[in-house]
C-alpha cells in the first residue's frame, strides 16, 4: 500500500513572498483515487491563515488537486492549492536493509 500526503501550498499575494508548503495529513491508500477521497475531509476542514476575517471561501477542483480561494476585506483574495502526492522517499525513514546481505 502506498503512502500519500496531502500538501497545501499557500500562494503569495503580491510582493516577493515565496509559496509556503505544508503537509496537512498523511495516509495509506491503494490508489490515487482512494487517497483523494481520504483527503477531502481534511481539505473541507482546513482553516486558512488569511484572510483573518473571511467573507467567503470557495473551493474549486483543479486538474491536479483543489484550489481554495478565501475572500477578505476589500475583496482581497487569498489562494491555497491542495495536492495529493505519493511519498516516494523520506530522509527521516529508517534505512532499509539490503535483502542480499
PDB file of N, CA and C in Angstrom:
ATOM      1  N   UNK A   1       0.855  -1.176   0.000  1.00  0.00           N
ATOM      2  CA  UNK A   1       0.000   0.000   0.000  1.00  0.00           C
ATOM      3  C   UNK A   1       0.899   1.237   0.000  1.00  0.00           C
ATOM      4  N   UNK A   2       0.541   2.206  -0.788  1.00  0.00           N
ATOM      5  CA  UNK A   2       1.346   3.423  -0.929  1.00  0.00           C
ATOM      6  C   UNK A   2       1.059   4.413   0.194  1.00  0.00           C
ATOM      7  N   UNK A   3       2.043   5.241   0.491  1.00  0.00           N
ATOM      8  CA  UNK A   3       1.904   6.320   1.485  1.00  0.00           C
ATOM      9  C   UNK A   3       1.663   7.610   0.717  1.00  0.00           C
ATOM     10  N   UNK A   4       0.647   8.369   1.123  1.00  0.00           N
ATOM     11  CA  UNK A   4       0.247   9.600   0.447  1.00  0.00           C
ATOM     12  C   UNK A   4       0.269  10.765   1.418  1.00  0.00           C
ATOM     13  N   UNK A   5       0.515  11.936   0.892  1.00  0.00           N
ATOM     14  CA  UNK A   5       0.471  13.141   1.692  1.00  0.00           C
ATOM     15  C   UNK A   5      -0.466  14.156   1.065  1.00  0.00           C
ATOM     16  N   UNK A   6      -1.157  14.882   1.909  1.00  0.00           N
ATOM     17  CA  UNK A   6      -1.978  15.999   1.449  1.00  0.00           C
ATOM     18  C   UNK A   6      -1.164  17.251   1.710  1.00  0.00           C
ATOM     19  N   UNK A   7      -0.770  17.929   0.648  1.00  0.00           N
ATOM     20  CA  UNK A   7       0.075  19.111   0.722  1.00  0.00           C
ATOM     21  C   UNK A   7      -0.771  20.338   0.420  1.00  0.00           C
ATOM     22  N   UNK A   8      -0.630  21.377   1.258  1.00  0.00           N
ATOM     23  CA  UNK A   8      -1.282  22.659   0.974  1.00  0.00           C
ATOM     24  C   UNK A   8      -0.180  23.660   0.702  1.00  0.00           C
ATOM     25  N   UNK A   9      -0.354  24.394  -0.363  1.00  0.00           N
ATOM     26  CA  UNK A   9       0.597  25.434  -0.747  1.00  0.00           C
ATOM     27  C   UNK A   9      -0.108  26.780  -0.656  1.00  0.00           C
ATOM     28  N   UNK A  10       0.420  27.640   0.195  1.00  0.00           N
ATOM     29  CA  UNK A  10      -0.114  28.993   0.334  1.00  0.00           C
ATOM     30  C   UNK A  10       0.576  29.851  -0.709  1.00  0.00           C
ATOM     31  N   UNK A  11      -0.190  30.314  -1.675  1.00  0.00           N
ATOM     32  CA  UNK A  11       0.388  31.079  -2.765  1.00  0.00           C
ATOM     33  C   UNK A  11       0.532  32.542  -2.364  1.00  0.00           C
ATOM     34  N   UNK A  12       1.655  33.157  -2.722  1.00  0.00           N
ATOM     35  CA  UNK A  12       1.875  34.555  -2.321  1.00  0.00           C
ATOM     36  C   UNK A  12       0.920  35.506  -3.019  1.00  0.00           C
ATOM     37  N   UNK A  13       0.564  36.548  -2.301  1.00  0.00           N
ATOM     38  CA  UNK A  13      -0.293  37.597  -2.853  1.00  0.00           C
ATOM     39  C   UNK A  13       0.548  38.864  -2.890  1.00  0.00           C
ATOM     40  N   UNK A  14       1.054  39.215  -4.073  1.00  0.00           N
ATOM     41  CA  UNK A  14       1.877  40.417  -4.216  1.00  0.00           C
ATOM     42  C   UNK A  14       3.234  40.273  -3.557  1.00  0.00           C
ATOM     43  N   UNK A  15       4.070  41.276  -3.751  1.00  0.00           N
ATOM     44  CA  UNK A  15       5.388  41.294  -3.127  1.00  0.00           C
ATOM     45  C   UNK A  15       6.299  40.204  -3.651  1.00  0.00           C
ATOM     46  N   UNK A  16       7.370  39.963  -2.916  1.00  0.00           N
ATOM     47  CA  UNK A  16       8.362  38.960  -3.308  1.00  0.00           C
ATOM     48  C   UNK A  16       8.270  37.695  -2.470  1.00  0.00           C
ATOM     49  N   UNK A  17       7.141  37.476  -1.817  1.00  0.00           N
ATOM     50  CA  UNK A  17       6.994  36.311  -0.953  1.00  0.00           C
ATOM     51  C   UNK A  17       7.033  35.022  -1.756  1.00  0.00           C
ATOM     52  N   UNK A  18       7.612  33.994  -1.161  1.00  0.00           N
ATOM     53  CA  UNK A  18       7.665  32.677  -1.778  1.00  0.00           C
ATOM     54  C   UNK A  18       6.493  31.838  -1.294  1.00  0.00           C
ATOM     55  N   UNK A  19       6.057  30.870  -2.094  1.00  0.00           N
ATOM     56  CA  UNK A  19       4.978  29.990  -1.642  1.00  0.00           C
ATOM     57  C   UNK A  19       5.418  29.194  -0.410  1.00  0.00           C
ATOM     58  N   UNK A  20       4.481  28.928   0.470  1.00  0.00           N
ATOM     59  CA  UNK A  20       4.730  28.097   1.641  1.00  0.00           C
ATOM     60  C   UNK A  20       3.983  26.782   1.456  1.00  0.00           C
ATOM     61  N   UNK A  21       4.654  25.666   1.732  1.00  0.00           N
ATOM     62  CA  UNK A  21       4.010  24.366   1.591  1.00  0.00           C
ATOM     63  C   UNK A  21       4.058  23.621   2.914  1.00  0.00           C
ATOM     64  N   UNK A  22       2.948  22.972   3.255  1.00  0.00           N
ATOM     65  CA  UNK A  22       2.857  22.186   4.488  1.00  0.00           C
ATOM     66  C   UNK A  22       2.164  20.870   4.206  1.00  0.00           C
ATOM     67  N   UNK A  23       2.587  19.822   4.913  1.00  0.00           N
ATOM     68  CA  UNK A  23       1.909  18.531   4.843  1.00  0.00           C
ATOM     69  C   UNK A  23       0.781  18.578   5.867  1.00  0.00           C
ATOM     70  N   UNK A  24      -0.452  18.541   5.376  1.00  0.00           N
ATOM     71  CA  UNK A  24      -1.618  18.589   6.270  1.00  0.00           C
ATOM     72  C   UNK A  24      -1.934  17.227   6.875  1.00  0.00           C
ATOM     73  N   UNK A  25      -1.751  16.188   6.074  1.00  0.00           N
ATOM     74  CA  UNK A  25      -2.094  14.845   6.536  1.00  0.00           C
ATOM     75  C   UNK A  25      -1.315  13.827   5.725  1.00  0.00           C
ATOM     76  N   UNK A  26      -1.121  12.658   6.305  1.00  0.00           N
ATOM     77  CA  UNK A  26      -0.532  11.527   5.598  1.00  0.00           C
ATOM     78  C   UNK A  26      -1.421  10.314   5.835  1.00  0.00           C
ATOM     79  N   UNK A  27      -1.538   9.485   4.811  1.00  0.00           N
ATOM     80  CA  UNK A  27      -2.371   8.304   4.941  1.00  0.00           C
ATOM     81  C   UNK A  27      -1.928   7.243   3.954  1.00  0.00           C
ATOM     82  N   UNK A  28      -2.347   6.010   4.206  1.00  0.00           N
ATOM     83  CA  UNK A  28      -2.052   4.879   3.330  1.00  0.00           C
ATOM     84  C   UNK A  28      -3.271   4.633   2.462  1.00  0.00           C
ATOM     85  N   UNK A  29      -3.015   4.410   1.181  1.00  0.00           N
ATOM     86  CA  UNK A  29      -4.099   4.125   0.240  1.00  0.00           C
ATOM     87  C   UNK A  29      -3.546   3.305  -0.915  1.00  0.00           C
ATOM     88  N   UNK A  30      -4.405   2.523  -1.526  1.00  0.00           N
ATOM     89  CA  UNK A  30      -4.004   1.682  -2.647  1.00  0.00           C
ATOM     90  C   UNK A  30      -3.849   2.500  -3.917  1.00  0.00           C
ATOM     91  N   UNK A  31      -4.749   3.462  -4.135  1.00  0.00           N
ATOM     92  CA  UNK A  31      -4.745   4.219  -5.386  1.00  0.00           C
ATOM     93  C   UNK A  31      -4.835   5.722  -5.121  1.00  0.00           C
ATOM     94  N   UNK A  32      -4.531   6.499  -6.141  1.00  0.00           N
ATOM     95  CA  UNK A  32      -4.675   7.952  -6.043  1.00  0.00           C
ATOM     96  C   UNK A  32      -6.137   8.315  -5.745  1.00  0.00           C
ATOM     97  N   UNK A  33      -7.048   7.652  -6.407  1.00  0.00           N
ATOM     98  CA  UNK A  33      -8.480   7.931  -6.201  1.00  0.00           C
ATOM     99  C   UNK A  33      -8.867   7.735  -4.734  1.00  0.00           C
ATOM    100  N   UNK A  34      -8.404   6.643  -4.148  1.00  0.00           N
ATOM    101  CA  UNK A  34      -8.693   6.392  -2.731  1.00  0.00           C
ATOM    102  C   UNK A  34      -8.037   7.467  -1.856  1.00  0.00           C
ATOM    103  N   UNK A  35      -6.802   7.839  -2.183  1.00  0.00           N
ATOM    104  CA  UNK A  35      -6.096   8.876  -1.417  1.00  0.00           C
ATOM    105  C   UNK A  35      -6.835  10.207  -1.507  1.00  0.00           C
ATOM    106  N   UNK A  36      -7.351  10.541  -2.678  1.00  0.00           N
ATOM    107  CA  UNK A  36      -8.101  11.789  -2.826  1.00  0.00           C
ATOM    108  C   UNK A  36      -9.374  11.775  -1.991  1.00  0.00           C
ATOM    109  N   UNK A  37     -10.040  10.648  -1.918  1.00  0.00           N
ATOM    110  CA  UNK A  37     -11.242  10.549  -1.087  1.00  0.00           C
ATOM    111  C   UNK A  37     -10.892  10.732   0.389  1.00  0.00           C
ATOM    112  N   UNK A  38      -9.761  10.179   0.819  1.00  0.00           N
ATOM    113  CA  UNK A  38      -9.329  10.338   2.204  1.00  0.00           C
ATOM    114  C   UNK A  38      -8.919  11.784   2.496  1.00  0.00           C
ATOM    115  N   UNK A  39      -8.478  12.504   1.479  1.00  0.00           N
ATOM    116  CA  UNK A  39      -8.023  13.889   1.649  1.00  0.00           C
ATOM    117  C   UNK A  39      -9.183  14.880   1.770  1.00  0.00           C
ATOM    118  N   UNK A  40     -10.298  14.594   1.134  1.00  0.00           N
ATOM    119  CA  UNK A  40     -11.405  15.556   1.069  1.00  0.00           C
ATOM    120  C   UNK A  40     -11.850  16.106   2.426  1.00  0.00           C
ATOM    121  N   UNK A  41     -12.037  15.276   3.460  1.00  0.00           N
ATOM    122  CA  UNK A  41     -12.454  15.843   4.749  1.00  0.00           C
ATOM    123  C   UNK A  41     -11.427  16.824   5.325  1.00  0.00           C
ATOM    124  N   UNK A  42     -10.142  16.551   5.107  1.00  0.00           N
ATOM    125  CA  UNK A  42      -9.083  17.443   5.596  1.00  0.00           C
ATOM    126  C   UNK A  42      -9.132  18.793   4.874  1.00  0.00           C
ATOM    127  N   UNK A  43      -9.406  18.744   3.594  1.00  0.00           N
ATOM    128  CA  UNK A  43      -9.471  19.980   2.797  1.00  0.00           C
ATOM    129  C   UNK A  43     -10.656  20.820   3.246  1.00  0.00           C
ATOM    130  N   UNK A  44     -11.794  20.188   3.405  1.00  0.00           N
ATOM    131  CA  UNK A  44     -13.000  20.933   3.792  1.00  0.00           C
ATOM    132  C   UNK A  44     -12.905  21.494   5.210  1.00  0.00           C
ATOM    133  N   UNK A  45     -12.125  20.848   6.068  1.00  0.00           N
ATOM    134  CA  UNK A  45     -11.982  21.315   7.451  1.00  0.00           C
ATOM    135  C   UNK A  45     -10.853  22.340   7.606  1.00  0.00           C
ATOM    136  N   UNK A  46     -10.084  22.564   6.558  1.00  0.00           N
ATOM    137  CA  UNK A  46      -8.927  23.452   6.639  1.00  0.00           C
ATOM    138  C   UNK A  46      -9.350  24.898   6.915  1.00  0.00           C
ATOM    139  N   UNK A  47      -8.678  25.523   7.868  1.00  0.00           N
ATOM    140  CA  UNK A  47      -8.911  26.930   8.169  1.00  0.00           C
ATOM    141  C   UNK A  47      -7.677  27.711   7.737  1.00  0.00           C
ATOM    142  N   UNK A  48      -7.780  28.487   6.658  1.00  0.00           N
ATOM    143  CA  UNK A  48      -6.611  29.221   6.177  1.00  0.00           C
ATOM    144  C   UNK A  48      -6.184  30.336   7.132  1.00  0.00           C
ATOM    145  N   UNK A  49      -4.895  30.685   7.067  1.00  0.00           N
ATOM    146  CA  UNK A  49      -4.364  31.775   7.896  1.00  0.00           C
ATOM    147  C   UNK A  49      -4.938  33.119   7.468  1.00  0.00           C
ATOM    148  N   UNK A  50      -5.146  33.273   6.174  1.00  0.00           N
ATOM    149  CA  UNK A  50      -5.660  34.526   5.630  1.00  0.00           C
ATOM    150  C   UNK A  50      -6.840  34.214   4.728  1.00  0.00           C
ATOM    151  N   UNK A  51      -7.809  35.040   4.678  1.00  0.00           N
ATOM    152  CA  UNK A  51      -7.936  36.293   5.407  1.00  0.00           C
ATOM    153  C   UNK A  51      -8.283  36.038   6.869  1.00  0.00           C
ATOM    154  N   UNK A  52      -7.906  36.995   7.708  1.00  0.00           N
ATOM    155  CA  UNK A  52      -8.153  36.868   9.144  1.00  0.00           C
ATOM    156  C   UNK A  52      -9.652  36.848   9.441  1.00  0.00           C
ATOM    157  N   UNK A  53     -10.412  37.642   8.733  1.00  0.00           N
ATOM    158  CA  UNK A  53     -11.869  37.655   8.874  1.00  0.00           C
ATOM    159  C   UNK A  53     -12.473  37.409   7.491  1.00  0.00           C
ATOM    160  N   UNK A  54     -12.617  36.128   7.143  1.00  0.00           N
ATOM    161  CA  UNK A  54     -13.103  35.808   5.800  1.00  0.00           C
ATOM    162  C   UNK A  54     -14.557  36.204   5.593  1.00  0.00           C
ATOM    163  N   UNK A  55     -14.822  36.714   4.396  1.00  0.00           N
ATOM    164  CA  UNK A  55     -16.192  36.998   3.986  1.00  0.00           C
ATOM    165  C   UNK A  55     -16.763  35.803   3.242  1.00  0.00           C
ATOM    166  N   UNK A  56     -15.857  35.101   2.527  1.00  0.00           N
ATOM    167  CA  UNK A  56     -16.309  33.999   1.699  1.00  0.00           C
ATOM    168  C   UNK A  56     -15.120  33.103   1.360  1.00  0.00           C
ATOM    169  N   UNK A  57     -15.354  31.796   1.323  1.00  0.00           N
ATOM    170  CA  UNK A  57     -14.369  30.829   0.851  1.00  0.00           C
ATOM    171  C   UNK A  57     -15.007  30.016  -0.266  1.00  0.00           C
ATOM    172  N   UNK A  58     -14.234  29.784  -1.327  1.00  0.00           N
ATOM    173  CA  UNK A  58     -14.708  28.949  -2.433  1.00  0.00           C
ATOM    174  C   UNK A  58     -13.672  27.871  -2.705  1.00  0.00           C
ATOM    175  N   UNK A  59     -14.118  26.627  -2.846  1.00  0.00           N
ATOM    176  CA  UNK A  59     -13.236  25.500  -3.113  1.00  0.00           C
ATOM    177  C   UNK A  59     -13.500  24.996  -4.524  1.00  0.00           C
ATOM    178  N   UNK A  60     -12.451  24.973  -5.342  1.00  0.00           N
ATOM    179  CA  UNK A  60     -12.542  24.524  -6.728  1.00  0.00           C
ATOM    180  C   UNK A  60     -11.736  23.244  -6.915  1.00  0.00           C
ATOM    181  N   UNK A  61     -12.233  22.344  -7.740  1.00  0.00           N
ATOM    182  CA  UNK A  61     -11.480  21.154  -8.150  1.00  0.00           C
ATOM    183  C   UNK A  61     -10.652  21.572  -9.346  1.00  0.00           C
ATOM    184  N   UNK A  62      -9.355  21.223  -9.358  1.00  0.00           N
ATOM    185  CA  UNK A  62      -8.468  21.548 -10.476  1.00  0.00           C
ATOM    186  C   UNK A  62      -7.957  20.253 -11.100  1.00  0.00           C
ATOM    187  N   UNK A  63      -7.177  20.368 -12.157  1.00  0.00           N
ATOM    188  CA  UNK A  63      -6.624  19.196 -12.830  1.00  0.00           C
ATOM    189  C   UNK A  63      -5.679  18.418 -11.918  1.00  0.00           C
ATOM    190  N   UNK A  64      -5.027  19.107 -10.973  1.00  0.00           N
ATOM    191  CA  UNK A  64      -4.054  18.432 -10.115  1.00  0.00           C
ATOM    192  C   UNK A  64      -4.370  18.573  -8.622  1.00  0.00           C
ATOM    193  N   UNK A  65      -5.600  18.838  -8.266  1.00  0.00           N
ATOM    194  CA  UNK A  65      -5.970  18.944  -6.859  1.00  0.00           C
ATOM    195  C   UNK A  65      -7.156  19.850  -6.643  1.00  0.00           C
ATOM    196  N   UNK A  66      -7.004  20.783  -5.690  1.00  0.00           N
ATOM    197  CA  UNK A  66      -8.072  21.711  -5.343  1.00  0.00           C
ATOM    198  C   UNK A  66      -7.477  23.089  -5.108  1.00  0.00           C
ATOM    199  N   UNK A  67      -8.271  24.114  -5.320  1.00  0.00           N
ATOM    200  CA  UNK A  67      -7.873  25.494  -5.050  1.00  0.00           C
ATOM    201  C   UNK A  67      -8.930  26.108  -4.146  1.00  0.00           C
ATOM    202  N   UNK A  68      -8.489  26.552  -2.966  1.00  0.00           N
ATOM    203  CA  UNK A  68      -9.359  27.270  -2.050  1.00  0.00           C
ATOM    204  C   UNK A  68      -9.046  28.751  -2.199  1.00  0.00           C
ATOM    205  N   UNK A  69     -10.066  29.543  -2.474  1.00  0.00           N
ATOM    206  CA  UNK A  69      -9.891  30.984  -2.605  1.00  0.00           C
ATOM    207  C   UNK A  69     -10.691  31.642  -1.491  1.00  0.00           C
ATOM    208  N   UNK A  70      -9.954  32.283  -0.578  1.00  0.00           N
ATOM    209  CA  UNK A  70     -10.581  33.000   0.519  1.00  0.00           C
ATOM    210  C   UNK A  70     -10.693  34.468   0.179  1.00  0.00           C
ATOM    211  N   UNK A  71     -11.853  35.028   0.400  1.00  0.00           N
ATOM    212  CA  UNK A  71     -12.068  36.454   0.139  1.00  0.00           C
ATOM    213  C   UNK A  71     -12.173  37.180   1.463  1.00  0.00           C
ATOM    214  N   UNK A  72     -11.382  38.254   1.581  1.00  0.00           N
ATOM    215  CA  UNK A  72     -11.382  39.035   2.802  1.00  0.00           C
ATOM    216  C   UNK A  72     -11.894  40.443   2.559  1.00  0.00           C
ATOM    217  N   UNK A  73     -11.521  41.322   3.467  1.00  0.00           N
ATOM    218  CA  UNK A  73     -11.934  42.722   3.362  1.00  0.00           C
ATOM    219  C   UNK A  73     -11.412  43.332   2.069  1.00  0.00           C
ATOM    220  N   UNK A  74     -12.144  44.256   1.558  1.00  0.00           N
ATOM    221  CA  UNK A  74     -11.779  44.984   0.337  1.00  0.00           C
ATOM    222  C   UNK A  74     -11.636  44.054  -0.866  1.00  0.00           C
ATOM    223  N   UNK A  75     -12.341  42.936  -0.851  1.00  0.00           N
ATOM    224  CA  UNK A  75     -12.350  41.955  -1.931  1.00  0.00           C
ATOM    225  C   UNK A  75     -10.958  41.409  -2.256  1.00  0.00           C
ATOM    226  N   UNK A  76     -10.050  41.388  -1.286  1.00  0.00           N
ATOM    227  CA  UNK A  76      -8.735  40.800  -1.485  1.00  0.00           C
ATOM    228  C   UNK A  76      -8.874  39.280  -1.404  1.00  0.00           C
ATOM    229  N   UNK A  77      -8.205  38.562  -2.326  1.00  0.00           N
ATOM    230  CA  UNK A  77      -8.334  37.116  -2.420  1.00  0.00           C
ATOM    231  C   UNK A  77      -7.027  36.426  -2.024  1.00  0.00           C
ATOM    232  N   UNK A  78      -7.174  35.293  -1.337  1.00  0.00           N
ATOM    233  CA  UNK A  78      -6.039  34.517  -0.852  1.00  0.00           C
ATOM    234  C   UNK A  78      -6.163  33.084  -1.372  1.00  0.00           C
ATOM    235  N   UNK A  79      -5.270  32.645  -2.268  1.00  0.00           N
ATOM    236  CA  UNK A  79      -5.369  31.306  -2.842  1.00  0.00           C
ATOM    237  C   UNK A  79      -4.544  30.259  -2.084  1.00  0.00           C
ATOM    238  N   UNK A  80      -5.114  29.076  -1.932  1.00  0.00           N
ATOM    239  CA  UNK A  80      -4.452  27.931  -1.326  1.00  0.00           C
ATOM    240  C   UNK A  80      -4.638  26.743  -2.263  1.00  0.00           C
ATOM    241  N   UNK A  81      -3.534  26.089  -2.633  1.00  0.00           N
ATOM    242  CA  UNK A  81      -3.577  24.963  -3.552  1.00  0.00           C
ATOM    243  C   UNK A  81      -3.327  23.677  -2.768  1.00  0.00           C
ATOM    244  N   UNK A  82      -4.205  22.697  -2.926  1.00  0.00           N
ATOM    245  CA  UNK A  82      -4.087  21.397  -2.261  1.00  0.00           C
ATOM    246  C   UNK A  82      -3.757  20.335  -3.298  1.00  0.00           C
ATOM    247  N   UNK A  83      -2.808  19.475  -2.956  1.00  0.00           N
ATOM    248  CA  UNK A  83      -2.443  18.365  -3.839  1.00  0.00           C
ATOM    249  C   UNK A  83      -2.295  17.096  -3.016  1.00  0.00           C
ATOM    250  N   UNK A  84      -2.673  15.981  -3.613  1.00  0.00           N
ATOM    251  CA  UNK A  84      -2.426  14.673  -3.032  1.00  0.00           C
ATOM    252  C   UNK A  84      -1.208  14.123  -3.753  1.00  0.00           C
ATOM    253  N   UNK A  85      -0.155  13.821  -2.983  1.00  0.00           N
ATOM    254  CA  UNK A  85       1.115  13.388  -3.565  1.00  0.00           C
ATOM    255  C   UNK A  85       1.546  12.059  -2.955  1.00  0.00           C
ATOM    256  N   UNK A  86       2.047  11.173  -3.806  1.00  0.00           N
ATOM    257  CA  UNK A  86       2.549   9.885  -3.330  1.00  0.00           C
ATOM    258  C   UNK A  86       3.968  10.069  -2.803  1.00  0.00           C
ATOM    259  N   UNK A  87       4.210   9.588  -1.589  1.00  0.00           N
ATOM    260  CA  UNK A  87       5.534   9.672  -0.987  1.00  0.00           C
ATOM    261  C   UNK A  87       6.440   8.637  -1.628  1.00  0.00           C
ATOM    262  N   UNK A  88       7.540   9.088  -2.205  1.00  0.00           N
ATOM    263  CA  UNK A  88       8.491   8.172  -2.829  1.00  0.00           C
ATOM    264  C   UNK A  88       9.747   7.982  -1.997  1.00  0.00           C
ATOM    265  N   UNK A  89      10.086   8.961  -1.162  1.00  0.00           N
ATOM    266  CA  UNK A  89      11.294   8.878  -0.356  1.00  0.00           C
ATOM    267  C   UNK A  89      11.165   9.810   0.825  1.00  0.00           C
ATOM    268  N   UNK A  90      11.732   9.405   1.953  1.00  0.00           N
ATOM    269  CA  UNK A  90      11.699  10.224   3.164  1.00  0.00           C
ATOM    270  C   UNK A  90      13.054  10.081   3.847  1.00  0.00           C
ATOM    271  N   UNK A  91      13.783  11.170   3.991  1.00  0.00           N
ATOM    272  CA  UNK A  91      15.113  11.118   4.606  1.00  0.00           C
ATOM    273  C   UNK A  91      15.043  10.734   6.080  1.00  0.00           C
ATOM    274  N   UNK A  92      13.883  10.857   6.698  1.00  0.00           N
ATOM    275  CA  UNK A  92      13.718  10.538   8.101  1.00  0.00           C
ATOM    276  C   UNK A  92      13.340   9.077   8.320  1.00  0.00           C
ATOM    277  N   UNK A  93      13.069   8.357   7.245  1.00  0.00           N
ATOM    278  CA  UNK A  93      12.657   6.957   7.364  1.00  0.00           C
ATOM    279  C   UNK A  93      13.853   6.093   7.773  1.00  0.00           C
ATOM    280  N   UNK A  94      13.570   5.019   8.461  1.00  0.00           N
ATOM    281  CA  UNK A  94      14.626   4.082   8.859  1.00  0.00           C
ATOM    282  C   UNK A  94      15.230   3.455   7.612  1.00  0.00           C
ATOM    283  N   UNK A  95      16.540   3.243   7.596  1.00  0.00           N
ATOM    284  CA  UNK A  95      17.161   2.636   6.411  1.00  0.00           C
ATOM    285  C   UNK A  95      16.639   1.223   6.182  1.00  0.00           C
ATOM    286  N   UNK A  96      16.494   0.865   4.920  1.00  0.00           N
ATOM    287  CA  UNK A  96      16.020  -0.461   4.548  1.00  0.00           C
ATOM    288  C   UNK A  96      17.239  -1.364   4.398  1.00  0.00           C
ATOM    289  N   UNK A  97      17.203  -2.533   5.036  1.00  0.00           N
ATOM    290  CA  UNK A  97      18.313  -3.481   4.944  1.00  0.00           C
ATOM    291  C   UNK A  97      18.349  -4.092   3.552  1.00  0.00           C
ATOM    292  N   UNK A  98      19.534  -4.302   3.047  1.00  0.00           N
ATOM    293  CA  UNK A  98      19.725  -4.934   1.748  1.00  0.00           C
ATOM    294  C   UNK A  98      19.337  -6.406   1.869  1.00  0.00           C
ATOM    295  N   UNK A  99      18.399  -6.843   1.042  1.00  0.00           N
ATOM    296  CA  UNK A  99      17.883  -8.216   1.114  1.00  0.00           C
ATOM    297  C   UNK A  99      18.944  -9.268   0.777  1.00  0.00           C
ATOM    298  N   UNK A 100      19.993  -8.902   0.028  1.00  0.00           N
ATOM    299  CA  UNK A 100      21.025  -9.851  -0.383  1.00  0.00           C
ATOM    300  C   UNK A 100      22.073 -10.090   0.694  1.00  0.00           C
ATOM    301  N   UNK A 101      22.085  -9.301   1.754  1.00  0.00           N
ATOM    302  CA  UNK A 101      23.131  -9.435   2.765  1.00  0.00           C
ATOM    303  C   UNK A 101      22.599  -9.901   4.077  1.00  0.00           C
TER     304      UNK A 101
END
